[in-house]
């Protein structure tokens, strides 16, 4: 079941693995195949508990969109992206310790989410 939240706060929908917040930032599920719903949020946050795959729910307008990952522990989980994303490849979470963050940013061109930047060293 989805967790209810007020407008402008993050929502976690682990059961449906989809983002359902109308704000700028929303959180995603932490494992399995995740629907990255860029039509409802420009920045998604995720703390992977295992290897994950992101499927993009494409936005309605051109803009920059990001996913910020926070490491849960020192395991180097791999993030893969489906064909709605054009990326430089998988993203491997750093083994720098719990709480480190990495990000990947995309621009939507009306057809696909194209990668424009990533930070994979953790901060």
PDB file of N, CA and C in Angstrom:
ATOM      1  N   UNK A   1       0.834  -1.187   0.000  1.00  0.00           N
ATOM      2  CA  UNK A   1       0.000   0.000   0.000  1.00  0.00           C
ATOM      3  C   UNK A   1       0.871   1.240   0.000  1.00  0.00           C
ATOM      4  N   UNK A   2       0.408   2.272  -0.644  1.00  0.00           N
ATOM      5  CA  UNK A   2       1.159   3.518  -0.716  1.00  0.00           C
ATOM      6  C   UNK A   2       1.028   4.274   0.591  1.00  0.00           C
ATOM      7  N   UNK A   3       2.060   5.019   0.939  1.00  0.00           N
ATOM      8  CA  UNK A   3       2.015   5.876   2.108  1.00  0.00           C
ATOM      9  C   UNK A   3       1.443   7.217   1.693  1.00  0.00           C
ATOM     10  N   UNK A   4       0.460   7.707   2.418  1.00  0.00           N
ATOM     11  CA  UNK A   4      -0.128   9.000   2.098  1.00  0.00           C
ATOM     12  C   UNK A   4       0.756  10.127   2.603  1.00  0.00           C
ATOM     13  N   UNK A   5       0.864  11.191   1.833  1.00  0.00           N
ATOM     14  CA  UNK A   5       1.662  12.341   2.233  1.00  0.00           C
ATOM     15  C   UNK A   5       0.959  13.611   1.814  1.00  0.00           C
ATOM     16  N   UNK A   6       1.349  14.696   2.422  1.00  0.00           N
ATOM     17  CA  UNK A   6       0.810  15.980   2.024  1.00  0.00           C
ATOM     18  C   UNK A   6       1.539  16.499   0.795  1.00  0.00           C
ATOM     19  N   UNK A   7       0.976  17.438   0.119  1.00  0.00           N
ATOM     20  CA  UNK A   7       1.559  18.017  -1.087  1.00  0.00           C
ATOM     21  C   UNK A   7       2.945  18.579  -0.821  1.00  0.00           C
ATOM     22  N   UNK A   8       3.882  18.303  -1.738  1.00  0.00           N
ATOM     23  CA  UNK A   8       5.222  18.850  -1.637  1.00  0.00           C
ATOM     24  C   UNK A   8       6.182  17.995  -0.844  1.00  0.00           C
ATOM     25  N   UNK A   9       5.748  16.827  -0.374  1.00  0.00           N
ATOM     26  CA  UNK A   9       6.651  15.924   0.347  1.00  0.00           C
ATOM     27  C   UNK A   9       6.827  14.649  -0.444  1.00  0.00           C
ATOM     28  N   UNK A  10       7.831  13.893  -0.092  1.00  0.00           N
ATOM     29  CA  UNK A  10       8.141  12.665  -0.823  1.00  0.00           C
ATOM     30  C   UNK A  10       7.162  11.558  -0.463  1.00  0.00           C
ATOM     31  N   UNK A  11       6.886  10.679  -1.425  1.00  0.00           N
ATOM     32  CA  UNK A  11       6.018   9.530  -1.198  1.00  0.00           C
ATOM     33  C   UNK A  11       6.768   8.264  -1.568  1.00  0.00           C
ATOM     34  N   UNK A  12       6.620   7.233  -0.774  1.00  0.00           N
ATOM     35  CA  UNK A  12       7.242   5.954  -1.073  1.00  0.00           C
ATOM     36  C   UNK A  12       6.151   4.955  -1.382  1.00  0.00           C
ATOM     37  N   UNK A  13       6.221   4.294  -2.515  1.00  0.00           N
ATOM     38  CA  UNK A  13       5.215   3.321  -2.904  1.00  0.00           C
ATOM     39  C   UNK A  13       5.909   2.002  -3.183  1.00  0.00           C
ATOM     40  N   UNK A  14       6.439   1.391  -2.144  1.00  0.00           N
ATOM     41  CA  UNK A  14       7.237   0.181  -2.303  1.00  0.00           C
ATOM     42  C   UNK A  14       6.428  -0.957  -2.900  1.00  0.00           C
ATOM     43  N   UNK A  15       5.142  -1.058  -2.583  1.00  0.00           N
ATOM     44  CA  UNK A  15       4.354  -2.159  -3.111  1.00  0.00           C
ATOM     45  C   UNK A  15       4.179  -2.052  -4.620  1.00  0.00           C
ATOM     46  N   UNK A  16       3.857  -0.891  -5.126  1.00  0.00           N
ATOM     47  CA  UNK A  16       3.667  -0.722  -6.566  1.00  0.00           C
ATOM     48  C   UNK A  16       4.965  -0.358  -7.263  1.00  0.00           C
ATOM     49  N   UNK A  17       5.990  -0.008  -6.478  1.00  0.00           N
ATOM     50  CA  UNK A  17       7.296   0.377  -7.007  1.00  0.00           C
ATOM     51  C   UNK A  17       7.179   1.507  -8.022  1.00  0.00           C
ATOM     52  N   UNK A  18       6.336   2.466  -7.747  1.00  0.00           N
ATOM     53  CA  UNK A  18       6.170   3.628  -8.626  1.00  0.00           C
ATOM     54  C   UNK A  18       6.157   4.882  -7.777  1.00  0.00           C
ATOM     55  N   UNK A  19       6.584   5.960  -8.353  1.00  0.00           N
ATOM     56  CA  UNK A  19       6.584   7.235  -7.656  1.00  0.00           C
ATOM     57  C   UNK A  19       5.236   7.906  -7.889  1.00  0.00           C
ATOM     58  N   UNK A  20       4.640   8.426  -6.829  1.00  0.00           N
ATOM     59  CA  UNK A  20       3.311   9.014  -6.981  1.00  0.00           C
ATOM     60  C   UNK A  20       3.200  10.395  -6.338  1.00  0.00           C
ATOM     61  N   UNK A  21       4.277  11.129  -6.283  1.00  0.00           N
ATOM     62  CA  UNK A  21       4.255  12.442  -5.655  1.00  0.00           C
ATOM     63  C   UNK A  21       4.228  13.520  -6.721  1.00  0.00           C
ATOM     64  N   UNK A  22       3.458  14.569  -6.500  1.00  0.00           N
ATOM     65  CA  UNK A  22       3.346  15.630  -7.490  1.00  0.00           C
ATOM     66  C   UNK A  22       4.361  16.742  -7.274  1.00  0.00           C
ATOM     67  N   UNK A  23       5.267  16.591  -6.316  1.00  0.00           N
ATOM     68  CA  UNK A  23       6.252  17.614  -6.026  1.00  0.00           C
ATOM     69  C   UNK A  23       7.475  17.517  -6.911  1.00  0.00           C
ATOM     70  N   UNK A  24       8.512  18.223  -6.538  1.00  0.00           N
ATOM     71  CA  UNK A  24       9.754  18.229  -7.293  1.00  0.00           C
ATOM     72  C   UNK A  24      10.571  16.979  -6.991  1.00  0.00           C
ATOM     73  N   UNK A  25      10.542  16.515  -5.748  1.00  0.00           N
ATOM     74  CA  UNK A  25      11.324  15.362  -5.343  1.00  0.00           C
ATOM     75  C   UNK A  25      10.409  14.247  -4.868  1.00  0.00           C
ATOM     76  N   UNK A  26      10.737  13.013  -5.225  1.00  0.00           N
ATOM     77  CA  UNK A  26       9.977  11.857  -4.771  1.00  0.00           C
ATOM     78  C   UNK A  26      10.930  10.699  -4.554  1.00  0.00           C
ATOM     79  N   UNK A  27      10.595   9.800  -3.636  1.00  0.00           N
ATOM     80  CA  UNK A  27      11.445   8.644  -3.394  1.00  0.00           C
ATOM     81  C   UNK A  27      10.877   7.428  -4.111  1.00  0.00           C
ATOM     82  N   UNK A  28      11.742   6.448  -4.354  1.00  0.00           N
ATOM     83  CA  UNK A  28      11.344   5.242  -5.073  1.00  0.00           C
ATOM     84  C   UNK A  28      11.471   4.031  -4.161  1.00  0.00           C
ATOM     85  N   UNK A  29      11.044   2.902  -4.672  1.00  0.00           N
ATOM     86  CA  UNK A  29      11.263   1.630  -3.986  1.00  0.00           C
ATOM     87  C   UNK A  29      12.765   1.359  -3.928  1.00  0.00           C
ATOM     88  N   UNK A  30      13.177   0.342  -3.186  1.00  0.00           N
ATOM     89  CA  UNK A  30      14.600   0.113  -2.952  1.00  0.00           C
ATOM     90  C   UNK A  30      15.139  -1.165  -3.573  1.00  0.00           C
ATOM     91  N   UNK A  31      14.302  -1.944  -4.243  1.00  0.00           N
ATOM     92  CA  UNK A  31      14.798  -3.181  -4.849  1.00  0.00           C
ATOM     93  C   UNK A  31      13.914  -3.577  -6.024  1.00  0.00           C
ATOM     94  N   UNK A  32      14.423  -4.496  -6.830  1.00  0.00           N
ATOM     95  CA  UNK A  32      13.654  -5.008  -7.959  1.00  0.00           C
ATOM     96  C   UNK A  32      13.646  -4.064  -9.137  1.00  0.00           C
ATOM     97  N   UNK A  33      12.554  -4.103  -9.901  1.00  0.00           N
ATOM     98  CA  UNK A  33      12.362  -3.226 -11.050  1.00  0.00           C
ATOM     99  C   UNK A  33      11.499  -2.061 -10.608  1.00  0.00           C
ATOM    100  N   UNK A  34      11.980  -0.855 -10.850  1.00  0.00           N
ATOM    101  CA  UNK A  34      11.346   0.358 -10.341  1.00  0.00           C
ATOM    102  C   UNK A  34      10.875   1.223 -11.500  1.00  0.00           C
ATOM    103  N   UNK A  35       9.644   1.723 -11.414  1.00  0.00           N
ATOM    104  CA  UNK A  35       9.144   2.677 -12.389  1.00  0.00           C
ATOM    105  C   UNK A  35       9.544   4.070 -11.940  1.00  0.00           C
ATOM    106  N   UNK A  36      10.473   4.667 -12.648  1.00  0.00           N
ATOM    107  CA  UNK A  36      10.943   6.022 -12.343  1.00  0.00           C
ATOM    108  C   UNK A  36       9.976   6.987 -13.008  1.00  0.00           C
ATOM    109  N   UNK A  37       9.060   7.534 -12.228  1.00  0.00           N
ATOM    110  CA  UNK A  37       7.984   8.340 -12.780  1.00  0.00           C
ATOM    111  C   UNK A  37       8.387   9.806 -12.885  1.00  0.00           C
ATOM    112  N   UNK A  38       9.049  10.139 -13.985  1.00  0.00           N
ATOM    113  CA  UNK A  38       9.483  11.508 -14.216  1.00  0.00           C
ATOM    114  C   UNK A  38       8.337  12.417 -14.651  1.00  0.00           C
ATOM    115  N   UNK A  39       7.151  11.880 -14.850  1.00  0.00           N
ATOM    116  CA  UNK A  39       6.018  12.742 -15.179  1.00  0.00           C
ATOM    117  C   UNK A  39       5.464  13.417 -13.935  1.00  0.00           C
ATOM    118  N   UNK A  40       5.876  12.977 -12.734  1.00  0.00           N
ATOM    119  CA  UNK A  40       5.375  13.578 -11.503  1.00  0.00           C
ATOM    120  C   UNK A  40       6.461  14.196 -10.636  1.00  0.00           C
ATOM    121  N   UNK A  41       7.738  13.948 -10.941  1.00  0.00           N
ATOM    122  CA  UNK A  41       8.825  14.516 -10.134  1.00  0.00           C
ATOM    123  C   UNK A  41      10.078  14.657 -10.986  1.00  0.00           C
ATOM    124  N   UNK A  42      10.824  15.742 -10.780  1.00  0.00           N
ATOM    125  CA  UNK A  42      12.058  15.962 -11.545  1.00  0.00           C
ATOM    126  C   UNK A  42      13.270  15.358 -10.875  1.00  0.00           C
ATOM    127  N   UNK A  43      13.228  15.149  -9.563  1.00  0.00           N
ATOM    128  CA  UNK A  43      14.336  14.539  -8.838  1.00  0.00           C
ATOM    129  C   UNK A  43      13.792  13.352  -8.056  1.00  0.00           C
ATOM    130  N   UNK A  44      14.338  12.180  -8.326  1.00  0.00           N
ATOM    131  CA  UNK A  44      13.948  10.976  -7.603  1.00  0.00           C
ATOM    132  C   UNK A  44      15.076  10.590  -6.667  1.00  0.00           C
ATOM    133  N   UNK A  45      14.739  10.096  -5.494  1.00  0.00           N
ATOM    134  CA  UNK A  45      15.744   9.614  -4.558  1.00  0.00           C
ATOM    135  C   UNK A  45      15.540   8.117  -4.358  1.00  0.00           C
ATOM    136  N   UNK A  46      16.653   7.404  -4.198  1.00  0.00           N
ATOM    137  CA  UNK A  46      16.593   5.954  -4.059  1.00  0.00           C
ATOM    138  C   UNK A  46      17.735   5.488  -3.165  1.00  0.00           C
ATOM    139  N   UNK A  47      17.450   4.558  -2.260  1.00  0.00           N
ATOM    140  CA  UNK A  47      18.463   3.928  -1.429  1.00  0.00           C
ATOM    141  C   UNK A  47      18.405   2.433  -1.729  1.00  0.00           C
ATOM    142  N   UNK A  48      19.173   1.969  -2.734  1.00  0.00           N
ATOM    143  CA  UNK A  48      19.069   0.566  -3.145  1.00  0.00           C
ATOM    144  C   UNK A  48      19.457  -0.401  -2.034  1.00  0.00           C
ATOM    145  N   UNK A  49      18.637  -1.443  -1.874  1.00  0.00           N
ATOM    146  CA  UNK A  49      18.930  -2.519  -0.932  1.00  0.00           C
ATOM    147  C   UNK A  49      19.520  -3.724  -1.660  1.00  0.00           C
ATOM    148  N   UNK A  50      19.532  -3.657  -2.989  1.00  0.00           N
ATOM    149  CA  UNK A  50      20.077  -4.723  -3.834  1.00  0.00           C
ATOM    150  C   UNK A  50      20.237  -4.143  -5.233  1.00  0.00           C
ATOM    151  N   UNK A  51      20.648  -4.976  -6.181  1.00  0.00           N
ATOM    152  CA  UNK A  51      20.719  -4.529  -7.574  1.00  0.00           C
ATOM    153  C   UNK A  51      19.309  -4.141  -8.020  1.00  0.00           C
ATOM    154  N   UNK A  52      19.192  -3.073  -8.812  1.00  0.00           N
ATOM    155  CA  UNK A  52      17.880  -2.607  -9.268  1.00  0.00           C
ATOM    156  C   UNK A  52      17.909  -2.271 -10.748  1.00  0.00           C
ATOM    157  N   UNK A  53      16.721  -2.242 -11.333  1.00  0.00           N
ATOM    158  CA  UNK A  53      16.535  -1.819 -12.718  1.00  0.00           C
ATOM    159  C   UNK A  53      15.511  -0.692 -12.733  1.00  0.00           C
ATOM    160  N   UNK A  54      15.844   0.402 -13.411  1.00  0.00           N
ATOM    161  CA  UNK A  54      14.923   1.524 -13.550  1.00  0.00           C
ATOM    162  C   UNK A  54      14.261   1.480 -14.914  1.00  0.00           C
ATOM    163  N   UNK A  55      12.925   1.567 -14.921  1.00  0.00           N
ATOM    164  CA  UNK A  55      12.133   1.766 -16.127  1.00  0.00           C
ATOM    165  C   UNK A  55      11.603   3.193 -16.052  1.00  0.00           C
ATOM    166  N   UNK A  56      11.707   3.943 -17.129  1.00  0.00           N
ATOM    167  CA  UNK A  56      11.270   5.340 -17.103  1.00  0.00           C
ATOM    168  C   UNK A  56       9.807   5.473 -17.484  1.00  0.00           C
ATOM    169  N   UNK A  57       9.053   6.183 -16.641  1.00  0.00           N
ATOM    170  CA  UNK A  57       7.746   6.703 -17.026  1.00  0.00           C
ATOM    171  C   UNK A  57       8.065   8.096 -17.540  1.00  0.00           C
ATOM    172  N   UNK A  58       7.960   8.276 -18.842  1.00  0.00           N
ATOM    173  CA  UNK A  58       8.458   9.502 -19.476  1.00  0.00           C
ATOM    174  C   UNK A  58       7.647  10.725 -19.093  1.00  0.00           C
ATOM    175  N   UNK A  59       8.327  11.858 -18.935  1.00  0.00           N
ATOM    176  CA  UNK A  59       7.639  13.107 -18.590  1.00  0.00           C
ATOM    177  C   UNK A  59       6.885  13.661 -19.789  1.00  0.00           C
ATOM    178  N   UNK A  60       6.105  14.697 -19.550  1.00  0.00           N
ATOM    179  CA  UNK A  60       5.357  15.322 -20.642  1.00  0.00           C
ATOM    180  C   UNK A  60       6.094  16.503 -21.254  1.00  0.00           C
ATOM    181  N   UNK A  61       7.123  17.009 -20.588  1.00  0.00           N
ATOM    182  CA  UNK A  61       7.836  18.164 -21.109  1.00  0.00           C
ATOM    183  C   UNK A  61       9.339  18.014 -21.010  1.00  0.00           C
ATOM    184  N   UNK A  62      10.036  18.700 -21.917  1.00  0.00           N
ATOM    185  CA  UNK A  62      11.493  18.671 -21.916  1.00  0.00           C
ATOM    186  C   UNK A  62      12.020  19.385 -20.681  1.00  0.00           C
ATOM    187  N   UNK A  63      13.020  18.777 -20.032  1.00  0.00           N
ATOM    188  CA  UNK A  63      13.629  19.362 -18.854  1.00  0.00           C
ATOM    189  C   UNK A  63      14.773  18.460 -18.426  1.00  0.00           C
ATOM    190  N   UNK A  64      15.484  18.873 -17.376  1.00  0.00           N
ATOM    191  CA  UNK A  64      16.510  18.037 -16.765  1.00  0.00           C
ATOM    192  C   UNK A  64      15.870  17.253 -15.625  1.00  0.00           C
ATOM    193  N   UNK A  65      16.248  15.992 -15.493  1.00  0.00           N
ATOM    194  CA  UNK A  65      15.706  15.107 -14.470  1.00  0.00           C
ATOM    195  C   UNK A  65      16.871  14.342 -13.852  1.00  0.00           C
ATOM    196  N   UNK A  66      16.807  14.082 -12.541  1.00  0.00           N
ATOM    197  CA  UNK A  66      17.906  13.408 -11.853  1.00  0.00           C
ATOM    198  C   UNK A  66      17.405  12.303 -10.946  1.00  0.00           C
ATOM    199  N   UNK A  67      18.297  11.342 -10.706  1.00  0.00           N
ATOM    200  CA  UNK A  67      18.084  10.329  -9.678  1.00  0.00           C
ATOM    201  C   UNK A  67      19.276  10.434  -8.738  1.00  0.00           C
ATOM    202  N   UNK A  68      19.001  10.594  -7.446  1.00  0.00           N
ATOM    203  CA  UNK A  68      20.044  10.657  -6.426  1.00  0.00           C
ATOM    204  C   UNK A  68      19.960   9.366  -5.625  1.00  0.00           C
ATOM    205  N   UNK A  69      21.060   8.638  -5.592  1.00  0.00           N
ATOM    206  CA  UNK A  69      21.132   7.371  -4.863  1.00  0.00           C
ATOM    207  C   UNK A  69      21.913   7.575  -3.575  1.00  0.00           C
ATOM    208  N   UNK A  70      21.457   6.958  -2.500  1.00  0.00           N
ATOM    209  CA  UNK A  70      22.172   6.955  -1.236  1.00  0.00           C
ATOM    210  C   UNK A  70      22.546   5.517  -0.917  1.00  0.00           C
ATOM    211  N   UNK A  71      23.825   5.290  -0.580  1.00  0.00           N
ATOM    212  CA  UNK A  71      24.251   3.930  -0.279  1.00  0.00           C
ATOM    213  C   UNK A  71      23.694   3.489   1.060  1.00  0.00           C
ATOM    214  N   UNK A  72      23.248   2.248   1.108  1.00  0.00           N
ATOM    215  CA  UNK A  72      22.696   1.671   2.321  1.00  0.00           C
ATOM    216  C   UNK A  72      23.790   1.048   3.167  1.00  0.00           C
ATOM    217  N   UNK A  73      24.762   0.458   2.489  1.00  0.00           N
ATOM    218  CA  UNK A  73      25.915  -0.148   3.156  1.00  0.00           C
ATOM    219  C   UNK A  73      27.066  -0.151   2.166  1.00  0.00           C
ATOM    220  N   UNK A  74      28.114  -0.847   2.453  1.00  0.00           N
ATOM    221  CA  UNK A  74      29.300  -0.768   1.611  1.00  0.00           C
ATOM    222  C   UNK A  74      29.277  -1.704   0.414  1.00  0.00           C
ATOM    223  N   UNK A  75      28.191  -2.427   0.182  1.00  0.00           N
ATOM    224  CA  UNK A  75      28.104  -3.281  -0.999  1.00  0.00           C
ATOM    225  C   UNK A  75      27.939  -2.427  -2.248  1.00  0.00           C
ATOM    226  N   UNK A  76      28.560  -2.830  -3.327  1.00  0.00           N
ATOM    227  CA  UNK A  76      28.515  -2.078  -4.583  1.00  0.00           C
ATOM    228  C   UNK A  76      27.398  -2.622  -5.466  1.00  0.00           C
ATOM    229  N   UNK A  77      26.155  -2.203  -5.215  1.00  0.00           N
ATOM    230  CA  UNK A  77      25.027  -2.635  -6.020  1.00  0.00           C
ATOM    231  C   UNK A  77      25.084  -1.994  -7.396  1.00  0.00           C
ATOM    232  N   UNK A  78      24.570  -2.712  -8.399  1.00  0.00           N
ATOM    233  CA  UNK A  78      24.566  -2.220  -9.774  1.00  0.00           C
ATOM    234  C   UNK A  78      23.152  -1.768 -10.132  1.00  0.00           C
ATOM    235  N   UNK A  79      23.073  -0.580 -10.744  1.00  0.00           N
ATOM    236  CA  UNK A  79      21.807  -0.028 -11.214  1.00  0.00           C
ATOM    237  C   UNK A  79      21.812  -0.113 -12.737  1.00  0.00           C
ATOM    238  N   UNK A  80      20.766  -0.712 -13.311  1.00  0.00           N
ATOM    239  CA  UNK A  80      20.633  -0.768 -14.766  1.00  0.00           C
ATOM    240  C   UNK A  80      19.415   0.056 -15.178  1.00  0.00           C
ATOM    241  N   UNK A  81      19.406   0.457 -16.444  1.00  0.00           N
ATOM    242  CA  UNK A  81      18.354   1.327 -16.962  1.00  0.00           C
ATOM    243  C   UNK A  81      17.756   0.692 -18.208  1.00  0.00           C
ATOM    244  N   UNK A  82      16.411   0.793 -18.369  1.00  0.00           N
ATOM    245  CA  UNK A  82      15.770   0.190 -19.535  1.00  0.00           C
ATOM    246  C   UNK A  82      15.963   1.054 -20.778  1.00  0.00           C
ATOM    247  N   UNK A  83      15.310   0.683 -21.865  1.00  0.00           N
ATOM    248  CA  UNK A  83      15.537   1.335 -23.162  1.00  0.00           C
ATOM    249  C   UNK A  83      14.983   2.752 -23.262  1.00  0.00           C
ATOM    250  N   UNK A  84      14.165   3.197 -22.303  1.00  0.00           N
ATOM    251  CA  UNK A  84      13.727   4.596 -22.306  1.00  0.00           C
ATOM    252  C   UNK A  84      14.842   5.534 -21.875  1.00  0.00           C
ATOM    253  N   UNK A  85      15.942   4.959 -21.387  1.00  0.00           N
ATOM    254  CA  UNK A  85      17.120   5.724 -20.997  1.00  0.00           C
ATOM    255  C   UNK A  85      18.227   5.492 -22.018  1.00  0.00           C
ATOM    256  N   UNK A  86      18.961   6.524 -22.371  1.00  0.00           N
ATOM    257  CA  UNK A  86      20.187   6.396 -23.158  1.00  0.00           C
ATOM    258  C   UNK A  86      21.316   6.812 -22.235  1.00  0.00           C
ATOM    259  N   UNK A  87      22.071   5.814 -21.738  1.00  0.00           N
ATOM    260  CA  UNK A  87      23.090   6.073 -20.718  1.00  0.00           C
ATOM    261  C   UNK A  87      24.456   5.607 -21.183  1.00  0.00           C
ATOM    262  N   UNK A  88      25.461   5.939 -20.395  1.00  0.00           N
ATOM    263  CA  UNK A  88      26.827   5.468 -20.633  1.00  0.00           C
ATOM    264  C   UNK A  88      27.000   4.047 -20.090  1.00  0.00           C
ATOM    265  N   UNK A  89      25.933   3.421 -19.649  1.00  0.00           N
ATOM    266  CA  UNK A  89      25.976   2.061 -19.128  1.00  0.00           C
ATOM    267  C   UNK A  89      25.396   1.986 -17.735  1.00  0.00           C
ATOM    268  N   UNK A  90      25.641   0.859 -17.077  1.00  0.00           N
ATOM    269  CA  UNK A  90      25.133   0.688 -15.721  1.00  0.00           C
ATOM    270  C   UNK A  90      25.811   1.653 -14.774  1.00  0.00           C
ATOM    271  N   UNK A  91      25.221   1.849 -13.619  1.00  0.00           N
ATOM    272  CA  UNK A  91      25.791   2.688 -12.580  1.00  0.00           C
ATOM    273  C   UNK A  91      26.075   1.776 -11.392  1.00  0.00           C
ATOM    274  N   UNK A  92      27.322   1.730 -10.951  1.00  0.00           N
ATOM    275  CA  UNK A  92      27.686   0.917  -9.805  1.00  0.00           C
ATOM    276  C   UNK A  92      27.805   1.801  -8.579  1.00  0.00           C
ATOM    277  N   UNK A  93      27.054   1.451  -7.555  1.00  0.00           N
ATOM    278  CA  UNK A  93      27.105   2.208  -6.309  1.00  0.00           C
ATOM    279  C   UNK A  93      28.502   2.063  -5.709  1.00  0.00           C
ATOM    280  N   UNK A  94      29.078   3.139  -5.182  1.00  0.00           N
ATOM    281  CA  UNK A  94      30.430   3.060  -4.613  1.00  0.00           C
ATOM    282  C   UNK A  94      30.429   2.294  -3.288  1.00  0.00           C
ATOM    283  N   UNK A  95      31.565   1.738  -2.956  1.00  0.00           N
ATOM    284  CA  UNK A  95      31.737   1.029  -1.682  1.00  0.00           C
ATOM    285  C   UNK A  95      32.393   1.950  -0.667  1.00  0.00           C
ATOM    286  N   UNK A  96      31.873   3.160  -0.536  1.00  0.00           N
ATOM    287  CA  UNK A  96      32.497   4.169   0.321  1.00  0.00           C
ATOM    288  C   UNK A  96      31.861   4.268   1.694  1.00  0.00           C
ATOM    289  N   UNK A  97      30.878   3.458   1.973  1.00  0.00           N
ATOM    290  CA  UNK A  97      30.229   3.497   3.277  1.00  0.00           C
ATOM    291  C   UNK A  97      28.792   3.949   3.194  1.00  0.00           C
ATOM    292  N   UNK A  98      28.020   3.577   4.189  1.00  0.00           N
ATOM    293  CA  UNK A  98      26.605   3.929   4.224  1.00  0.00           C
ATOM    294  C   UNK A  98      26.424   5.439   4.239  1.00  0.00           C
ATOM    295  N   UNK A  99      25.433   5.907   3.512  1.00  0.00           N
ATOM    296  CA  UNK A  99      25.107   7.326   3.488  1.00  0.00           C
ATOM    297  C   UNK A  99      25.765   8.120   2.379  1.00  0.00           C
ATOM    298  N   UNK A 100      26.682   7.516   1.609  1.00  0.00           N
ATOM    299  CA  UNK A 100      27.279   8.227   0.473  1.00  0.00           C
ATOM    300  C   UNK A 100      26.226   8.402  -0.618  1.00  0.00           C
ATOM    301  N   UNK A 101      26.343   9.490  -1.360  1.00  0.00           N
ATOM    302  CA  UNK A 101      25.379   9.768  -2.422  1.00  0.00           C
ATOM    303  C   UNK A 101      26.069   9.799  -3.783  1.00  0.00           C
ATOM    304  N   UNK A 102      25.358   9.299  -4.793  1.00  0.00           N
ATOM    305  CA  UNK A 102      25.764   9.429  -6.187  1.00  0.00           C
ATOM    306  C   UNK A 102      24.535   9.908  -6.953  1.00  0.00           C
ATOM    307  N   UNK A 103      24.766  10.494  -8.122  1.00  0.00           N
ATOM    308  CA  UNK A 103      23.630  10.981  -8.896  1.00  0.00           C
ATOM    309  C   UNK A 103      23.864  10.758 -10.373  1.00  0.00           C
ATOM    310  N   UNK A 104      22.755  10.723 -11.100  1.00  0.00           N
ATOM    311  CA  UNK A 104      22.780  10.666 -12.553  1.00  0.00           C
ATOM    312  C   UNK A 104      21.702  11.624 -13.049  1.00  0.00           C
ATOM    313  N   UNK A 105      22.038  12.429 -14.046  1.00  0.00           N
ATOM    314  CA  UNK A 105      21.122  13.445 -14.557  1.00  0.00           C
ATOM    315  C   UNK A 105      20.846  13.178 -16.030  1.00  0.00           C
ATOM    316  N   UNK A 106      19.605  13.398 -16.418  1.00  0.00           N
ATOM    317  CA  UNK A 106      19.147  13.169 -17.789  1.00  0.00           C
ATOM    318  C   UNK A 106      18.477  14.429 -18.316  1.00  0.00           C
ATOM    319  N   UNK A 107      18.411  14.534 -19.632  1.00  0.00           N
ATOM    320  CA  UNK A 107      17.572  15.530 -20.274  1.00  0.00           C
ATOM    321  C   UNK A 107      16.597  14.738 -21.150  1.00  0.00           C
ATOM    322  N   UNK A 108      15.339  15.151 -21.132  1.00  0.00           N
ATOM    323  CA  UNK A 108      14.318  14.483 -21.933  1.00  0.00           C
ATOM    324  C   UNK A 108      14.154  15.231 -23.239  1.00  0.00           C
ATOM    325  N   UNK A 109      14.243  14.511 -24.354  1.00  0.00           N
ATOM    326  CA  UNK A 109      14.170  15.137 -25.678  1.00  0.00           C
ATOM    327  C   UNK A 109      12.836  14.911 -26.383  1.00  0.00           C
ATOM    328  N   UNK A 110      11.860  14.399 -25.664  1.00  0.00           N
ATOM    329  CA  UNK A 110      10.564  14.099 -26.268  1.00  0.00           C
ATOM    330  C   UNK A 110      10.418  12.634 -26.630  1.00  0.00           C
ATOM    331  N   UNK A 111      11.518  11.875 -26.575  1.00  0.00           N
ATOM    332  CA  UNK A 111      11.469  10.452 -26.908  1.00  0.00           C
ATOM    333  C   UNK A 111      12.161   9.579 -25.863  1.00  0.00           C
ATOM    334  N   UNK A 112      13.339  10.005 -25.405  1.00  0.00           N
ATOM    335  CA  UNK A 112      14.110   9.216 -24.440  1.00  0.00           C
ATOM    336  C   UNK A 112      14.743  10.127 -23.387  1.00  0.00           C
ATOM    337  N   UNK A 113      15.143   9.511 -22.294  1.00  0.00           N
ATOM    338  CA  UNK A 113      15.883  10.205 -21.239  1.00  0.00           C
ATOM    339  C   UNK A 113      17.366  10.024 -21.559  1.00  0.00           C
ATOM    340  N   UNK A 114      18.039  11.116 -21.972  1.00  0.00           N
ATOM    341  CA  UNK A 114      19.454  11.040 -22.356  1.00  0.00           C
ATOM    342  C   UNK A 114      20.334  11.464 -21.191  1.00  0.00           C
ATOM    343  N   UNK A 115      21.317  10.626 -20.844  1.00  0.00           N
ATOM    344  CA  UNK A 115      22.235  10.962 -19.757  1.00  0.00           C
ATOM    345  C   UNK A 115      23.100  12.150 -20.143  1.00  0.00           C
ATOM    346  N   UNK A 116      23.231  13.104 -19.212  1.00  0.00           N
ATOM    347  CA  UNK A 116      24.096  14.260 -19.443  1.00  0.00           C
ATOM    348  C   UNK A 116      25.199  14.364 -18.400  1.00  0.00           C
ATOM    349  N   UNK A 117      25.029  13.712 -17.242  1.00  0.00           N
ATOM    350  CA  UNK A 117      26.062  13.783 -16.196  1.00  0.00           C
ATOM    351  C   UNK A 117      25.826  12.687 -15.173  1.00  0.00           C
ATOM    352  N   UNK A 118      26.925  12.307 -14.499  1.00  0.00           N
ATOM    353  CA  UNK A 118      26.835  11.391 -13.357  1.00  0.00           C
ATOM    354  C   UNK A 118      27.990  11.608 -12.419  1.00  0.00           C
ATOM    355  N   UNK A 119      27.743  11.388 -11.144  1.00  0.00           N
ATOM    356  CA  UNK A 119      28.779  11.397 -10.111  1.00  0.00           C
ATOM    357  C   UNK A 119      28.737  10.013  -9.491  1.00  0.00           C
ATOM    358  N   UNK A 120      29.806   9.258  -9.632  1.00  0.00           N
ATOM    359  CA  UNK A 120      29.816   7.886  -9.131  1.00  0.00           C
ATOM    360  C   UNK A 120      30.826   7.663  -8.023  1.00  0.00           C
ATOM    361  N   UNK A 121      31.489   8.711  -7.569  1.00  0.00           N
ATOM    362  CA  UNK A 121      32.508   8.535  -6.524  1.00  0.00           C
ATOM    363  C   UNK A 121      31.923   8.620  -5.124  1.00  0.00           C
ATOM    364  N   UNK A 122      30.735   9.123  -4.989  1.00  0.00           N
ATOM    365  CA  UNK A 122      30.118   9.265  -3.685  1.00  0.00           C
ATOM    366  C   UNK A 122      30.532  10.543  -2.990  1.00  0.00           C
ATOM    367  N   UNK A 123      29.619  11.170  -2.330  1.00  0.00           N
ATOM    368  CA  UNK A 123      29.907  12.399  -1.588  1.00  0.00           C
ATOM    369  C   UNK A 123      29.069  12.448  -0.333  1.00  0.00           C
TER     370      UNK A 123
END
